[in-house]
Amino acid sequence: MKKTYFALFLALFINLQSFCNPLPPPDYLKISEFVFNSDNTWTLELVDSFLQDYSPFSYCDSLFICSSTGRAKVINFQENNQCYPYQVQVVITQDDILSPLHINEEGDSITIVHFCCNERDDLIPKTVLTFGNYPNAMIGKPAEGQSIVAVSSGYWNSGAYCYNYYSKNNKPSLGNCDKDENYMCGTLQGKIYDKNGLPLCNQSYIFFNGNEAEISYKTTTDDEGNYNLKVFANTLTLYAIYVKTSPYYFIKYDEKGAIDLVQLDIEVGDVIDLDIHVISDIVSSPEVKISSNPVKIYPNPVKKGSLLNYEIDLPVLAANVEMEVLSLTGQLLLREKITDKTGVIDLQKEIPAGIYILNCRMNRKNLYSTRIVIAE
């Protein structure tokens, strides 16, 4: 009989322990936005990125907000805004906690801890936000009026999007499911060059930020190699470029090239001129499509020693384009490098009146030839 009572007592004790065992929050419960208010208070937003018809908060019987110096229990952590079917959000202010909680504006660590009545084996402690001068901070100190907002990396993991990267936000939007990236980004612009110094044109590229969040940025270049890229306001580390070689949308960016390392601190609204230099052989310019008549020359005939106008439908900055004037016997009389799509060629007075061959060459290949007449 004593053994029976002891077994019942032990089972009851273990069961009670499970009801008050502090556990980390579900991996899909994230700190989605945080802001210091003008009255020296703070506001915190939690988001559930798990795609289910129920709230993850149903697993919790109590929830705590922790900083590096203390913790406070949340009075009511049930959802007050539901963005069905993708997100459930809870906005927490200092009025929602039982005791004051100090969070250092210069830098701190914010962690979510909950107590759970249901035993779960798949809970991982990832709901942490570090900022400012805190060791290994995820993001710098927000300026006055800025919030820190979570950014989805776009990766899908066990039924949830990964929110493990943060950006500064000039327009705090706590309680709003739609975060406006126009208030969260800076801009990089410039050219993308291959290892030979030639711009990479008319192609789609993707950059990966060099951190565990694996934030990716996609961009395209025009026919002169120019790109324009929106990036989140945080520390940016670019180390590799991927190029999409397949025309099919479901094929990933499948050719990788190393680039000169880029490390920048991006603030909201920054516009930074930055040329990207590929230092490997993998990424190369796509084949240039050339029209059947890429060159227009006028006037023709042209007066001796005057200017010959041209219009060229070629990527003149992405390749080595030259114009040549030759005699009918093949003697080279004039060669000029072309850097603009429209311009003039100064015909030297030493070239006598007559009939000549004008060639347009790109990367040492002859693309176009015509006869021109130089008149007295």
Protein backbone atom coordinates (compact mmCIF):
# COMPACT_ATOMS: atom_id res chain seq x y z
CA MET A 1 0.00 0.00 0.00
CA LYS A 2 2.84 2.41 0.91
CA LYS A 3 4.42 1.75 -2.50
CA THR A 4 1.12 2.58 -4.20
CA TYR A 5 0.79 5.90 -2.34
CA PHE A 6 4.39 6.74 -3.11
CA ALA A 7 3.88 6.04 -6.83
CA LEU A 8 0.76 8.21 -6.89
CA PHE A 9 2.58 11.04 -5.08
CA LEU A 10 5.53 10.81 -7.48
CA ALA A 11 3.22 10.91 -10.53
CA LEU A 12 1.38 13.93 -9.10
CA PHE A 13 4.66 15.72 -8.38
CA ILE A 14 5.99 15.14 -11.89
CA ASN A 15 2.67 16.30 -13.38
CA LEU A 16 2.72 19.50 -11.31
CA GLN A 17 6.30 20.14 -12.36
CA SER A 18 5.28 19.96 -16.01
CA PHE A 19 2.67 22.67 -15.41
CA CYS A 20 5.22 25.17 -14.15
CA ASN A 21 8.19 24.30 -16.27
CA PRO A 22 9.54 27.39 -18.11
CA LEU A 23 10.07 26.67 -21.78
CA PRO A 24 11.34 28.73 -24.65
CA PRO A 25 8.62 29.97 -27.00
CA PRO A 26 7.69 28.08 -30.16
CA ASP A 27 10.19 28.56 -32.98
CA TYR A 28 7.48 30.22 -35.09
CA LEU A 29 6.75 32.88 -32.42
CA LYS A 30 8.96 35.87 -33.25
CA ILE A 31 9.69 39.37 -32.03
CA SER A 32 8.43 41.10 -35.14
CA GLU A 33 8.79 44.77 -34.12
CA PHE A 34 10.16 46.81 -31.24
CA VAL A 35 10.22 50.55 -30.62
CA PHE A 36 11.18 53.03 -27.91
CA ASN A 37 8.41 55.59 -27.48
CA SER A 38 8.88 59.34 -26.97
CA ASP A 39 7.80 59.05 -23.29
CA ASN A 40 10.69 56.65 -22.49
CA THR A 41 8.43 53.59 -22.66
CA TRP A 42 8.65 50.76 -25.17
CA THR A 43 6.27 48.66 -27.27
CA LEU A 44 6.86 45.12 -28.49
CA GLU A 45 5.08 43.12 -31.18
CA LEU A 46 5.08 39.32 -31.39
CA VAL A 47 4.09 37.45 -34.51
CA ASP A 48 3.17 33.86 -35.26
CA SER A 49 4.31 32.83 -38.73
CA PHE A 50 2.93 29.29 -38.40
CA LEU A 51 0.18 28.64 -40.92
CA GLN A 52 -2.54 27.10 -38.80
CA ASP A 53 -6.14 27.90 -37.88
CA TYR A 54 -5.27 28.30 -34.20
CA SER A 55 -3.00 30.64 -32.28
CA PRO A 56 0.31 29.38 -30.86
CA PHE A 57 -0.51 31.36 -27.72
CA SER A 58 -2.96 28.61 -26.84
CA TYR A 59 0.09 26.54 -25.83
CA CYS A 60 1.03 29.11 -23.17
CA ASP A 61 -0.40 29.72 -19.72
CA SER A 62 1.99 32.60 -19.01
CA LEU A 63 4.40 34.72 -21.01
CA PHE A 64 7.44 36.75 -19.90
CA ILE A 65 9.42 39.54 -21.54
CA CYS A 66 13.11 39.46 -20.51
CA SER A 67 15.93 41.97 -20.88
CA SER A 68 19.55 41.70 -19.75
CA THR A 69 18.62 43.12 -16.34
CA GLY A 70 15.26 41.53 -15.49
CA ARG A 71 11.99 40.06 -16.62
CA ALA A 72 8.27 40.83 -16.33
CA LYS A 73 5.15 38.74 -16.77
CA VAL A 74 2.66 39.71 -19.47
CA ILE A 75 -0.84 40.14 -18.07
CA ASN A 76 -2.80 39.29 -21.25
CA PHE A 77 -0.96 37.71 -24.13
CA GLN A 78 -3.94 36.55 -26.20
CA GLU A 79 -4.05 37.84 -29.75
CA ASN A 80 -5.59 41.25 -30.38
CA ASN A 81 -5.07 41.34 -34.12
CA GLN A 82 -5.29 38.43 -36.52
CA CYS A 83 -4.00 38.60 -40.08
CA TYR A 84 -5.62 35.39 -41.23
CA PRO A 85 -4.40 33.02 -42.49
CA TYR A 86 -0.72 33.84 -42.32
CA GLN A 87 0.05 35.75 -39.12
CA VAL A 88 -1.29 36.28 -35.65
CA GLN A 89 0.10 39.34 -33.86
CA VAL A 90 0.17 40.49 -30.26
CA VAL A 91 1.21 44.03 -29.31
CA ILE A 92 2.61 44.37 -25.79
CA THR A 93 3.23 47.64 -23.95
CA GLN A 94 4.49 48.31 -20.44
CA ASP A 95 0.86 48.60 -19.38
CA ASP A 96 0.52 44.90 -20.24
CA ILE A 97 3.17 43.67 -17.77
CA LEU A 98 2.89 43.14 -14.02
CA SER A 99 6.14 44.93 -13.09
CA PRO A 100 8.37 47.55 -14.72
CA LEU A 101 10.98 46.20 -17.13
CA HIS A 102 13.96 48.31 -18.15
CA ILE A 103 15.37 47.87 -21.67
CA ASN A 104 18.58 49.81 -22.34
CA GLU A 105 18.18 52.19 -25.28
CA GLU A 106 21.90 52.01 -26.09
CA GLY A 107 21.74 48.24 -26.55
CA ASP A 108 20.15 45.21 -24.94
CA SER A 109 18.91 41.65 -25.41
CA ILE A 110 15.16 40.96 -25.50
CA THR A 111 13.99 37.37 -24.99
CA ILE A 112 10.55 35.79 -24.82
CA VAL A 113 9.98 33.02 -22.25
CA HIS A 114 6.71 31.21 -21.64
CA PHE A 115 5.35 28.64 -19.22
CA CYS A 116 3.54 25.77 -20.86
CA CYS A 117 1.10 23.18 -19.53
CA ASN A 118 1.50 20.86 -22.53
CA GLU A 119 4.75 19.04 -22.84
CA ARG A 120 6.40 19.70 -26.19
CA ASP A 121 9.72 18.32 -27.37
CA ASP A 122 10.25 20.48 -30.45
CA LEU A 123 10.67 23.90 -28.82
CA ILE A 124 13.90 25.74 -29.61
CA PRO A 125 15.03 28.99 -27.90
CA LYS A 126 15.31 31.33 -30.89
CA THR A 127 13.05 34.24 -29.93
CA VAL A 128 15.83 36.70 -29.11
CA LEU A 129 16.49 40.23 -30.38
CA THR A 130 19.84 41.89 -29.65
CA PHE A 131 20.57 45.45 -30.76
CA GLY A 132 22.84 48.47 -30.29
CA ASN A 133 26.05 47.98 -28.32
CA TYR A 134 24.99 44.60 -26.92
CA PRO A 135 27.58 41.87 -27.75
CA ASN A 136 27.00 40.29 -31.18
CA ALA A 137 24.00 42.55 -31.78
CA MET A 138 21.75 41.70 -34.73
CA ILE A 139 21.25 45.38 -35.60
CA GLY A 140 22.45 48.81 -34.51
CA LYS A 141 20.73 51.23 -32.15
CA PRO A 142 17.52 52.64 -33.67
CA ALA A 143 17.33 56.42 -34.09
CA GLU A 144 14.60 58.47 -32.45
CA GLY A 145 11.27 57.63 -34.09
CA GLN A 146 12.63 54.41 -35.65
CA SER A 147 11.55 50.89 -34.80
CA ILE A 148 13.37 47.61 -35.26
CA VAL A 149 11.33 45.31 -37.48
CA ALA A 150 11.76 41.63 -38.36
CA VAL A 151 12.25 40.76 -42.01
CA SER A 152 11.33 37.40 -43.48
CA SER A 153 14.25 35.76 -45.20
CA GLY A 154 11.76 34.12 -47.58
CA TYR A 155 12.81 30.65 -46.48
CA TRP A 156 10.19 28.13 -45.43
CA ASN A 157 11.02 25.95 -42.46
CA SER A 158 8.65 23.40 -40.88
CA GLY A 159 5.50 25.26 -41.88
CA ALA A 160 6.78 28.74 -41.03
CA TYR A 161 8.69 31.57 -42.65
CA CYS A 162 11.99 32.39 -40.97
CA TYR A 163 12.04 35.82 -39.29
CA ASN A 164 15.64 35.95 -38.09
CA TYR A 165 16.82 39.20 -39.68
CA TYR A 166 16.03 42.75 -38.65
CA SER A 167 15.88 46.18 -40.27
CA LYS A 168 15.41 49.71 -39.02
CA ASN A 169 12.02 51.18 -39.86
CA ASN A 170 11.34 54.91 -40.21
CA LYS A 171 7.58 54.34 -39.98
CA PRO A 172 6.75 52.08 -37.01
CA SER A 173 3.78 49.88 -37.82
CA LEU A 174 3.08 47.81 -34.72
CA GLY A 175 -0.15 45.86 -35.04
CA ASN A 176 -0.10 46.21 -38.81
CA CYS A 177 0.62 43.07 -40.80
CA ASP A 178 1.85 44.99 -43.85
CA LYS A 179 5.27 46.54 -43.24
CA ASP A 180 6.12 49.19 -45.83
CA GLU A 181 9.61 48.47 -47.15
CA ASN A 182 9.87 52.02 -48.52
CA TYR A 183 10.56 53.08 -44.93
CA MET A 184 12.98 50.21 -44.22
CA CYS A 185 15.49 50.32 -47.06
CA GLY A 186 18.43 52.08 -48.58
CA THR A 187 19.55 51.83 -52.22
CA LEU A 188 22.70 50.51 -53.87
CA GLN A 189 23.34 51.50 -57.48
CA GLY A 190 26.18 51.17 -59.93
CA LYS A 191 27.53 48.63 -62.39
CA ILE A 192 28.34 44.94 -62.15
CA TYR A 193 31.67 44.05 -63.83
CA ASP A 194 33.20 40.71 -64.77
CA LYS A 195 36.81 39.81 -63.93
CA ASN A 196 37.99 41.42 -67.17
CA GLY A 197 36.46 44.76 -66.23
CA LEU A 198 33.55 44.56 -68.68
CA PRO A 199 30.01 45.29 -67.43
CA LEU A 200 27.67 42.30 -67.08
CA CYS A 201 24.56 43.21 -69.03
CA ASN A 202 20.92 42.16 -69.41
CA GLN A 203 20.94 39.46 -66.77
CA SER A 204 19.27 38.58 -63.47
CA TYR A 205 21.45 38.27 -60.38
CA ILE A 206 21.04 37.46 -56.71
CA PHE A 207 23.27 38.47 -53.79
CA PHE A 208 23.35 36.79 -50.39
CA ASN A 209 23.98 38.80 -47.26
CA GLY A 210 26.80 37.10 -45.35
CA ASN A 211 25.01 36.19 -42.13
CA GLU A 212 23.05 33.30 -40.68
CA ALA A 213 19.75 34.82 -41.77
CA GLU A 214 20.54 34.22 -45.45
CA ILE A 215 18.77 37.33 -46.63
CA SER A 216 18.90 37.49 -50.43
CA TYR A 217 18.64 40.44 -52.78
CA LYS A 218 17.64 40.12 -56.43
CA THR A 219 18.48 42.59 -59.17
CA THR A 220 18.86 42.85 -62.95
CA THR A 221 21.28 44.81 -65.09
CA ASP A 222 20.43 46.86 -68.16
CA ASP A 223 22.26 46.82 -71.50
CA GLU A 224 25.10 48.87 -69.99
CA GLY A 225 25.52 46.83 -66.82
CA ASN A 226 23.70 49.20 -64.45
CA TYR A 227 21.83 47.81 -61.44
CA ASN A 228 19.58 49.31 -58.76
CA LEU A 229 19.04 47.37 -55.55
CA LYS A 230 16.91 47.99 -52.44
CA VAL A 231 18.57 46.68 -49.25
CA PHE A 232 17.34 46.63 -45.66
CA ALA A 233 18.75 49.13 -43.15
CA ASN A 234 21.29 47.02 -41.29
CA THR A 235 24.91 45.92 -41.71
CA LEU A 236 25.34 44.55 -45.24
CA THR A 237 27.99 41.96 -46.15
CA LEU A 238 28.05 40.80 -49.78
CA TYR A 239 30.54 38.14 -50.79
CA ALA A 240 29.04 36.18 -53.69
CA ILE A 241 26.81 36.62 -56.71
CA TYR A 242 24.54 34.11 -58.42
CA VAL A 243 23.36 34.39 -61.99
CA LYS A 244 20.18 32.88 -63.43
CA THR A 245 21.07 31.15 -66.67
CA SER A 246 17.78 29.34 -67.28
CA PRO A 247 14.78 31.21 -68.76
CA TYR A 248 12.38 29.11 -66.66
CA TYR A 249 11.13 30.79 -63.49
CA PHE A 250 11.32 27.62 -61.37
CA ILE A 251 15.04 27.10 -62.04
CA LYS A 252 17.14 28.58 -59.26
CA TYR A 253 20.08 30.95 -59.75
CA ASP A 254 22.56 28.27 -60.59
CA GLU A 255 25.95 29.84 -61.36
CA LYS A 256 27.96 31.30 -58.50
CA GLY A 257 30.81 33.75 -58.62
CA ALA A 258 32.95 35.35 -55.92
CA ILE A 259 33.01 39.15 -55.70
CA ASP A 260 35.18 41.71 -53.96
CA LEU A 261 33.90 41.74 -50.37
CA VAL A 262 31.38 44.52 -49.65
CA GLN A 263 30.69 45.59 -46.05
CA LEU A 264 28.46 48.60 -45.44
CA ASP A 265 26.22 50.01 -42.72
CA ILE A 266 22.98 50.91 -44.49
CA GLU A 267 20.58 53.49 -43.08
CA VAL A 268 17.02 54.10 -44.28
CA GLY A 269 17.04 56.40 -47.32
CA ASP A 270 20.74 55.99 -48.11
CA VAL A 271 21.64 56.05 -51.82
CA ILE A 272 25.10 54.56 -52.24
CA ASP A 273 27.05 54.34 -55.51
CA LEU A 274 28.75 50.95 -55.50
CA ASP A 275 30.29 49.04 -58.40
CA ILE A 276 30.34 45.25 -57.94
CA HIS A 277 33.40 43.42 -59.29
CA VAL A 278 33.20 39.68 -59.93
CA ILE A 279 36.59 38.04 -59.35
CA SER A 280 35.86 34.53 -60.63
CA ASP A 281 35.37 32.98 -64.08
CA ILE A 282 31.88 31.56 -63.43
CA VAL A 283 29.74 34.60 -64.13
CA SER A 284 29.97 35.97 -67.65
CA SER A 285 28.05 38.33 -69.86
CA PRO A 286 25.18 36.79 -71.80
CA GLU A 287 25.37 36.72 -75.55
CA VAL A 288 24.55 40.13 -76.97
CA LYS A 289 21.63 40.23 -79.39
CA ILE A 290 22.54 42.33 -82.41
CA SER A 291 20.06 43.74 -84.87
CA SER A 292 20.55 43.23 -88.61
CA ASN A 293 21.46 46.89 -89.06
CA PRO A 294 23.05 48.12 -85.80
CA VAL A 295 24.79 51.20 -87.30
CA LYS A 296 23.46 54.35 -89.01
CA ILE A 297 25.88 56.73 -90.73
CA TYR A 298 25.05 60.17 -92.12
CA PRO A 299 25.53 62.21 -94.18
CA ASN A 300 26.80 59.97 -96.93
CA PRO A 301 28.41 61.35 -99.07
CA VAL A 302 30.25 63.46 -96.47
CA LYS A 303 32.42 66.48 -97.13
CA LYS A 304 36.19 66.04 -96.83
CA GLY A 305 37.54 66.92 -93.36
CA SER A 306 34.06 67.27 -91.81
CA LEU A 307 32.14 65.27 -89.18
CA LEU A 308 30.48 61.94 -89.87
CA ASN A 309 27.48 61.27 -87.57
CA TYR A 310 26.69 57.80 -86.26
CA GLU A 311 23.98 56.02 -84.25
CA ILE A 312 24.82 52.58 -82.84
CA ASP A 313 22.41 50.00 -81.40
CA LEU A 314 25.08 48.13 -79.40
CA PRO A 315 26.05 47.88 -75.70
CA VAL A 316 29.00 50.20 -76.18
CA LEU A 317 29.91 50.24 -72.48
CA ALA A 318 29.67 46.49 -72.10
CA ALA A 319 32.07 45.69 -74.91
CA ASN A 320 34.99 47.06 -76.86
CA VAL A 321 33.33 48.84 -79.81
CA GLU A 322 35.42 50.58 -82.49
CA MET A 323 34.82 52.32 -85.82
CA GLU A 324 37.39 51.99 -88.62
CA VAL A 325 37.87 53.76 -91.93
CA LEU A 326 39.80 51.73 -94.53
CA SER A 327 40.79 52.26 -98.12
CA LEU A 328 39.42 49.92 -100.79
CA THR A 329 42.79 48.10 -100.68
CA GLY A 330 42.40 47.46 -96.91
CA GLN A 331 44.74 50.15 -95.58
CA LEU A 332 43.66 51.38 -92.11
CA LEU A 333 43.28 55.16 -92.18
CA LEU A 334 41.34 55.85 -88.99
CA ARG A 335 40.29 53.94 -85.88
CA GLU A 336 38.19 55.39 -83.05
CA LYS A 337 36.89 53.80 -79.84
CA ILE A 338 33.14 54.27 -79.37
CA THR A 339 31.81 54.99 -75.86
CA ASP A 340 28.43 56.53 -76.69
CA LYS A 341 25.55 55.26 -78.78
CA THR A 342 25.42 58.51 -80.72
CA GLY A 343 28.30 60.74 -81.74
CA VAL A 344 30.55 61.95 -84.52
CA ILE A 345 33.75 60.80 -86.21
CA ASP A 346 36.15 63.59 -87.17
CA LEU A 347 37.33 62.74 -90.68
CA GLN A 348 40.87 63.99 -91.00
CA LYS A 349 41.72 66.41 -93.76
CA GLU A 350 44.58 64.14 -94.78
CA ILE A 351 42.08 61.56 -96.05
CA PRO A 352 41.52 62.49 -99.68
CA ALA A 353 38.19 62.43 -101.47
CA GLY A 354 37.12 58.99 -102.61
CA ILE A 355 35.27 55.81 -101.70
CA TYR A 356 36.14 54.05 -98.42
CA ILE A 357 35.07 51.13 -96.24
CA LEU A 358 33.67 51.88 -92.77
CA ASN A 359 33.70 48.95 -90.32
CA CYS A 360 32.08 48.66 -86.91
CA ARG A 361 33.87 46.10 -84.70
CA MET A 362 32.89 44.74 -81.27
CA ASN A 363 35.34 42.70 -79.19
CA ARG A 364 37.63 42.43 -82.25
CA LYS A 365 34.86 40.99 -84.42
CA ASN A 366 33.53 42.81 -87.46
CA LEU A 367 29.77 43.38 -87.05
CA TYR A 368 28.94 45.86 -89.78
CA SER A 369 30.50 47.26 -92.96
CA THR A 370 29.39 49.90 -95.42
CA ARG A 371 30.85 52.18 -98.05
CA ILE A 372 31.14 55.89 -97.48
CA VAL A 373 31.90 58.57 -100.02
CA ILE A 374 34.12 61.49 -99.08
CA ALA A 375 33.51 64.39 -101.42
CA GLU A 376 35.54 67.55 -102.13
